[in-house]
Amino acid sequence: RDRTIAGLEQLGELAYFEPLPAGSELDAGEICATIEGEAGSRALFAPATGSITAINEELSKSPDLVAESPYTEGWLMKFKVKEHSEGTLLTAGDYQGYLESL
């Protein structure tokens, strides 16, 4: 099972999504957004050094789209990678293998 989906389930019904604005430049590991639900809030971290190029504005009206449709309408943001080290980002297949190993 996808850990991202499991994390969303732990938060319960989502109340809001608060990203940094589009154009924000971040180093890998810096907080890029906060998402809050019934059970608390979670910080989201930049996957690599780069910048936020777009924010899903629909989430300000309907934050539960993240849980209802995470791979389509519930996307959070678009991120342009400036630099990353080989092996720091996983392909979808590698990520699935990682999740299955947990």
N, C-alpha and C. Protein backbone atom coordinates (compact mmCIF):
# COMPACT_ATOMS: atom_id res chain seq x y z
N ARG A 1 0.85 -1.19 0.00
CA ARG A 1 0.00 0.00 0.00
C ARG A 1 0.89 1.24 0.00
N ASP A 2 0.49 2.24 -0.69
CA ASP A 2 1.22 3.49 -0.83
C ASP A 2 1.30 4.22 0.51
N ARG A 3 2.53 4.52 0.98
CA ARG A 3 2.69 5.21 2.27
C ARG A 3 2.08 6.60 2.25
N THR A 4 2.07 7.24 1.10
CA THR A 4 1.46 8.56 1.01
C THR A 4 -0.04 8.47 1.29
N ILE A 5 -0.69 7.49 0.69
CA ILE A 5 -2.11 7.29 0.91
C ILE A 5 -2.34 6.90 2.37
N ALA A 6 -1.50 6.04 2.91
CA ALA A 6 -1.64 5.65 4.32
C ALA A 6 -1.51 6.86 5.23
N GLY A 7 -0.59 7.75 4.92
CA GLY A 7 -0.41 8.98 5.72
C GLY A 7 -1.63 9.87 5.66
N LEU A 8 -2.23 9.97 4.49
CA LEU A 8 -3.45 10.77 4.35
C LEU A 8 -4.60 10.17 5.15
N GLU A 9 -4.68 8.84 5.15
CA GLU A 9 -5.74 8.19 5.92
C GLU A 9 -5.57 8.47 7.41
N GLN A 10 -4.34 8.55 7.88
CA GLN A 10 -4.09 8.85 9.30
C GLN A 10 -4.53 10.26 9.66
N LEU A 11 -4.47 11.19 8.72
CA LEU A 11 -4.88 12.57 8.99
C LEU A 11 -6.40 12.71 9.09
N GLY A 12 -7.12 11.78 8.50
CA GLY A 12 -8.58 11.89 8.49
C GLY A 12 -9.03 12.90 7.44
N GLU A 13 -10.23 13.43 7.60
CA GLU A 13 -10.75 14.40 6.64
C GLU A 13 -9.85 15.63 6.60
N LEU A 14 -9.46 16.01 5.41
CA LEU A 14 -8.53 17.12 5.26
C LEU A 14 -9.24 18.47 5.39
N ALA A 15 -8.59 19.38 6.10
CA ALA A 15 -9.16 20.70 6.34
C ALA A 15 -8.52 21.75 5.44
N TYR A 16 -7.21 21.68 5.25
CA TYR A 16 -6.58 22.65 4.35
C TYR A 16 -5.21 22.19 3.88
N PHE A 17 -4.78 22.80 2.81
CA PHE A 17 -3.47 22.58 2.20
C PHE A 17 -2.84 23.96 2.06
N GLU A 18 -1.67 24.14 2.65
CA GLU A 18 -0.99 25.43 2.62
C GLU A 18 0.40 25.28 2.02
N PRO A 19 0.52 25.49 0.71
CA PRO A 19 1.84 25.39 0.06
C PRO A 19 2.57 26.73 0.07
N LEU A 20 3.85 26.67 -0.16
CA LEU A 20 4.59 27.89 -0.47
C LEU A 20 4.11 28.35 -1.84
N PRO A 21 4.28 29.60 -2.18
CA PRO A 21 3.78 30.07 -3.48
C PRO A 21 4.59 29.54 -4.66
N ALA A 22 3.93 29.47 -5.81
CA ALA A 22 4.63 29.12 -7.05
C ALA A 22 5.78 30.10 -7.23
N GLY A 23 6.89 29.58 -7.70
CA GLY A 23 8.09 30.40 -7.86
C GLY A 23 9.07 30.23 -6.70
N SER A 24 8.62 29.64 -5.60
CA SER A 24 9.50 29.42 -4.45
C SER A 24 10.61 28.45 -4.83
N GLU A 25 11.83 28.82 -4.47
CA GLU A 25 12.97 27.95 -4.72
C GLU A 25 13.36 27.28 -3.41
N LEU A 26 13.62 25.98 -3.49
CA LEU A 26 13.87 25.19 -2.29
C LEU A 26 15.06 24.27 -2.47
N ASP A 27 15.70 23.98 -1.35
CA ASP A 27 16.71 22.94 -1.32
C ASP A 27 16.02 21.62 -0.97
N ALA A 28 16.60 20.52 -1.36
CA ALA A 28 16.05 19.21 -1.04
C ALA A 28 15.83 19.11 0.47
N GLY A 29 14.65 18.64 0.85
CA GLY A 29 14.35 18.44 2.26
C GLY A 29 13.73 19.62 2.97
N GLU A 30 13.66 20.77 2.32
CA GLU A 30 13.00 21.93 2.94
C GLU A 30 11.49 21.76 2.89
N ILE A 31 10.81 22.33 3.86
CA ILE A 31 9.35 22.26 3.88
C ILE A 31 8.80 23.08 2.71
N CYS A 32 7.92 22.45 1.93
CA CYS A 32 7.32 23.13 0.78
C CYS A 32 5.81 23.33 0.97
N ALA A 33 5.22 22.65 1.95
CA ALA A 33 3.78 22.78 2.18
C ALA A 33 3.41 22.15 3.51
N THR A 34 2.22 22.49 3.98
CA THR A 34 1.64 21.85 5.15
C THR A 34 0.24 21.39 4.77
N ILE A 35 -0.12 20.22 5.23
CA ILE A 35 -1.46 19.70 5.00
C ILE A 35 -2.04 19.34 6.36
N GLU A 36 -3.29 19.73 6.59
CA GLU A 36 -3.90 19.51 7.90
C GLU A 36 -5.20 18.75 7.76
N GLY A 37 -5.41 17.83 8.70
CA GLY A 37 -6.64 17.05 8.76
C GLY A 37 -7.16 16.99 10.18
N GLU A 38 -8.16 16.18 10.40
CA GLU A 38 -8.79 16.05 11.71
C GLU A 38 -7.79 15.63 12.79
N ALA A 39 -6.81 14.81 12.41
CA ALA A 39 -5.87 14.25 13.38
C ALA A 39 -4.57 15.04 13.51
N GLY A 40 -4.49 16.20 12.89
CA GLY A 40 -3.27 17.01 13.00
C GLY A 40 -2.77 17.48 11.66
N SER A 41 -1.54 17.94 11.65
CA SER A 41 -0.97 18.45 10.41
C SER A 41 0.35 17.76 10.12
N ARG A 42 0.74 17.81 8.87
CA ARG A 42 2.00 17.23 8.41
C ARG A 42 2.70 18.22 7.49
N ALA A 43 4.01 18.28 7.65
CA ALA A 43 4.83 19.07 6.74
C ALA A 43 5.16 18.19 5.53
N LEU A 44 5.20 18.79 4.36
CA LEU A 44 5.63 18.12 3.14
C LEU A 44 6.97 18.71 2.74
N PHE A 45 7.87 17.88 2.25
CA PHE A 45 9.24 18.30 1.98
C PHE A 45 9.58 18.24 0.50
N ALA A 46 10.41 19.17 0.06
CA ALA A 46 10.86 19.19 -1.33
C ALA A 46 11.65 17.91 -1.62
N PRO A 47 11.35 17.25 -2.72
CA PRO A 47 12.03 15.99 -3.05
C PRO A 47 13.46 16.18 -3.54
N ALA A 48 13.78 17.38 -3.99
CA ALA A 48 15.10 17.69 -4.55
C ALA A 48 15.24 19.21 -4.56
N THR A 49 16.40 19.70 -4.90
CA THR A 49 16.61 21.13 -5.06
C THR A 49 15.90 21.57 -6.34
N GLY A 50 15.11 22.64 -6.24
CA GLY A 50 14.38 23.11 -7.40
C GLY A 50 13.37 24.17 -7.02
N SER A 51 12.32 24.28 -7.82
CA SER A 51 11.32 25.32 -7.55
C SER A 51 9.91 24.81 -7.82
N ILE A 52 8.96 25.40 -7.09
CA ILE A 52 7.55 25.11 -7.29
C ILE A 52 7.10 25.91 -8.51
N THR A 53 6.56 25.22 -9.50
CA THR A 53 6.14 25.91 -10.72
C THR A 53 4.64 26.11 -10.80
N ALA A 54 3.87 25.33 -10.06
CA ALA A 54 2.40 25.48 -10.06
C ALA A 54 1.83 24.87 -8.79
N ILE A 55 0.73 25.44 -8.35
CA ILE A 55 -0.01 24.97 -7.18
C ILE A 55 -1.41 24.59 -7.64
N ASN A 56 -1.95 23.52 -7.12
CA ASN A 56 -3.32 23.12 -7.44
C ASN A 56 -4.27 24.00 -6.62
N GLU A 57 -4.78 25.06 -7.23
CA GLU A 57 -5.64 26.02 -6.55
C GLU A 57 -6.98 25.42 -6.13
N GLU A 58 -7.39 24.33 -6.77
CA GLU A 58 -8.65 23.67 -6.40
C GLU A 58 -8.62 23.16 -4.97
N LEU A 59 -7.43 22.88 -4.45
CA LEU A 59 -7.34 22.35 -3.10
C LEU A 59 -7.72 23.36 -2.03
N SER A 60 -7.65 24.65 -2.35
CA SER A 60 -8.07 25.66 -1.37
C SER A 60 -9.57 25.58 -1.13
N LYS A 61 -10.32 25.12 -2.14
CA LYS A 61 -11.78 24.96 -2.01
C LYS A 61 -12.15 23.55 -1.59
N SER A 62 -11.40 22.57 -2.06
CA SER A 62 -11.72 21.16 -1.82
C SER A 62 -10.47 20.36 -1.46
N PRO A 63 -9.95 20.52 -0.24
CA PRO A 63 -8.71 19.81 0.12
C PRO A 63 -8.85 18.29 0.11
N ASP A 64 -10.06 17.78 0.25
CA ASP A 64 -10.24 16.33 0.23
C ASP A 64 -9.99 15.70 -1.13
N LEU A 65 -9.81 16.51 -2.18
CA LEU A 65 -9.43 15.95 -3.48
C LEU A 65 -8.13 15.17 -3.37
N VAL A 66 -7.28 15.56 -2.44
CA VAL A 66 -6.00 14.85 -2.25
C VAL A 66 -6.27 13.39 -1.89
N ALA A 67 -7.19 13.16 -0.99
CA ALA A 67 -7.51 11.79 -0.57
C ALA A 67 -8.42 11.08 -1.58
N GLU A 68 -9.35 11.82 -2.17
CA GLU A 68 -10.33 11.22 -3.08
C GLU A 68 -9.73 10.86 -4.43
N SER A 69 -8.79 11.66 -4.89
CA SER A 69 -8.26 11.48 -6.24
C SER A 69 -6.79 11.92 -6.30
N PRO A 70 -5.92 11.25 -5.53
CA PRO A 70 -4.54 11.73 -5.40
C PRO A 70 -3.72 11.71 -6.69
N TYR A 71 -4.08 10.87 -7.63
CA TYR A 71 -3.29 10.76 -8.85
C TYR A 71 -3.86 11.55 -10.02
N THR A 72 -5.00 12.22 -9.81
CA THR A 72 -5.58 13.02 -10.90
C THR A 72 -5.91 14.42 -10.38
N GLU A 73 -7.14 14.68 -9.96
CA GLU A 73 -7.55 16.02 -9.53
C GLU A 73 -6.89 16.47 -8.23
N GLY A 74 -6.38 15.54 -7.42
CA GLY A 74 -5.84 15.88 -6.11
C GLY A 74 -4.34 16.14 -6.08
N TRP A 75 -3.75 16.43 -7.23
CA TRP A 75 -2.31 16.72 -7.23
C TRP A 75 -2.05 17.97 -6.38
N LEU A 76 -0.89 18.05 -5.78
CA LEU A 76 -0.56 19.15 -4.87
C LEU A 76 0.12 20.31 -5.58
N MET A 77 1.24 20.01 -6.20
CA MET A 77 2.02 21.06 -6.85
C MET A 77 2.90 20.44 -7.93
N LYS A 78 3.37 21.29 -8.82
CA LYS A 78 4.36 20.88 -9.81
C LYS A 78 5.69 21.43 -9.35
N PHE A 79 6.72 20.64 -9.54
CA PHE A 79 8.04 20.98 -9.01
C PHE A 79 9.07 20.74 -10.09
N LYS A 80 9.88 21.75 -10.38
CA LYS A 80 10.94 21.61 -11.38
C LYS A 80 12.26 21.35 -10.64
N VAL A 81 12.84 20.20 -10.91
CA VAL A 81 14.09 19.82 -10.27
C VAL A 81 15.25 20.58 -10.89
N LYS A 82 16.04 21.22 -10.04
CA LYS A 82 17.22 21.95 -10.51
C LYS A 82 18.43 21.03 -10.47
N GLU A 83 18.56 20.32 -9.38
CA GLU A 83 19.67 19.38 -9.27
C GLU A 83 19.28 18.27 -8.30
N HIS A 84 19.77 17.11 -8.58
CA HIS A 84 19.58 15.99 -7.66
C HIS A 84 20.73 15.03 -7.85
N SER A 85 21.00 14.28 -6.81
CA SER A 85 22.05 13.27 -6.88
C SER A 85 21.45 11.98 -7.43
N GLU A 86 22.21 11.30 -8.24
CA GLU A 86 21.75 10.02 -8.77
C GLU A 86 21.38 9.11 -7.60
N GLY A 87 20.22 8.49 -7.69
CA GLY A 87 19.80 7.57 -6.64
C GLY A 87 18.95 8.20 -5.56
N THR A 88 18.77 9.53 -5.58
CA THR A 88 17.97 10.15 -4.53
C THR A 88 16.49 10.16 -4.85
N LEU A 89 16.13 10.08 -6.12
CA LEU A 89 14.73 10.03 -6.52
C LEU A 89 14.43 8.64 -7.05
N LEU A 90 13.25 8.13 -6.73
CA LEU A 90 12.87 6.79 -7.14
C LEU A 90 11.92 6.82 -8.32
N THR A 91 12.04 5.82 -9.18
CA THR A 91 11.03 5.64 -10.21
C THR A 91 9.79 5.09 -9.53
N ALA A 92 8.66 5.08 -10.23
CA ALA A 92 7.42 4.54 -9.66
C ALA A 92 7.62 3.07 -9.28
N GLY A 93 8.29 2.30 -10.11
CA GLY A 93 8.53 0.89 -9.82
C GLY A 93 9.42 0.69 -8.61
N ASP A 94 10.47 1.49 -8.51
CA ASP A 94 11.37 1.40 -7.35
C ASP A 94 10.64 1.77 -6.07
N TYR A 95 9.79 2.80 -6.15
CA TYR A 95 9.03 3.24 -4.97
C TYR A 95 8.07 2.14 -4.53
N GLN A 96 7.40 1.50 -5.48
CA GLN A 96 6.49 0.41 -5.14
C GLN A 96 7.25 -0.72 -4.48
N GLY A 97 8.43 -1.05 -4.99
CA GLY A 97 9.26 -2.08 -4.38
C GLY A 97 9.67 -1.72 -2.96
N TYR A 98 10.01 -0.46 -2.75
CA TYR A 98 10.35 0.02 -1.41
C TYR A 98 9.18 -0.16 -0.47
N LEU A 99 7.98 0.24 -0.90
CA LEU A 99 6.79 0.13 -0.05
C LEU A 99 6.49 -1.32 0.30
N GLU A 100 6.69 -2.21 -0.65
CA GLU A 100 6.42 -3.62 -0.39
C GLU A 100 7.44 -4.22 0.56
N SER A 101 8.62 -3.61 0.67
CA SER A 101 9.65 -4.13 1.57
C SER A 101 9.43 -3.71 3.02
N LEU A 102 8.52 -2.77 3.25
CA LEU A 102 8.30 -2.29 4.62
C LEU A 102 7.48 -3.25 5.45
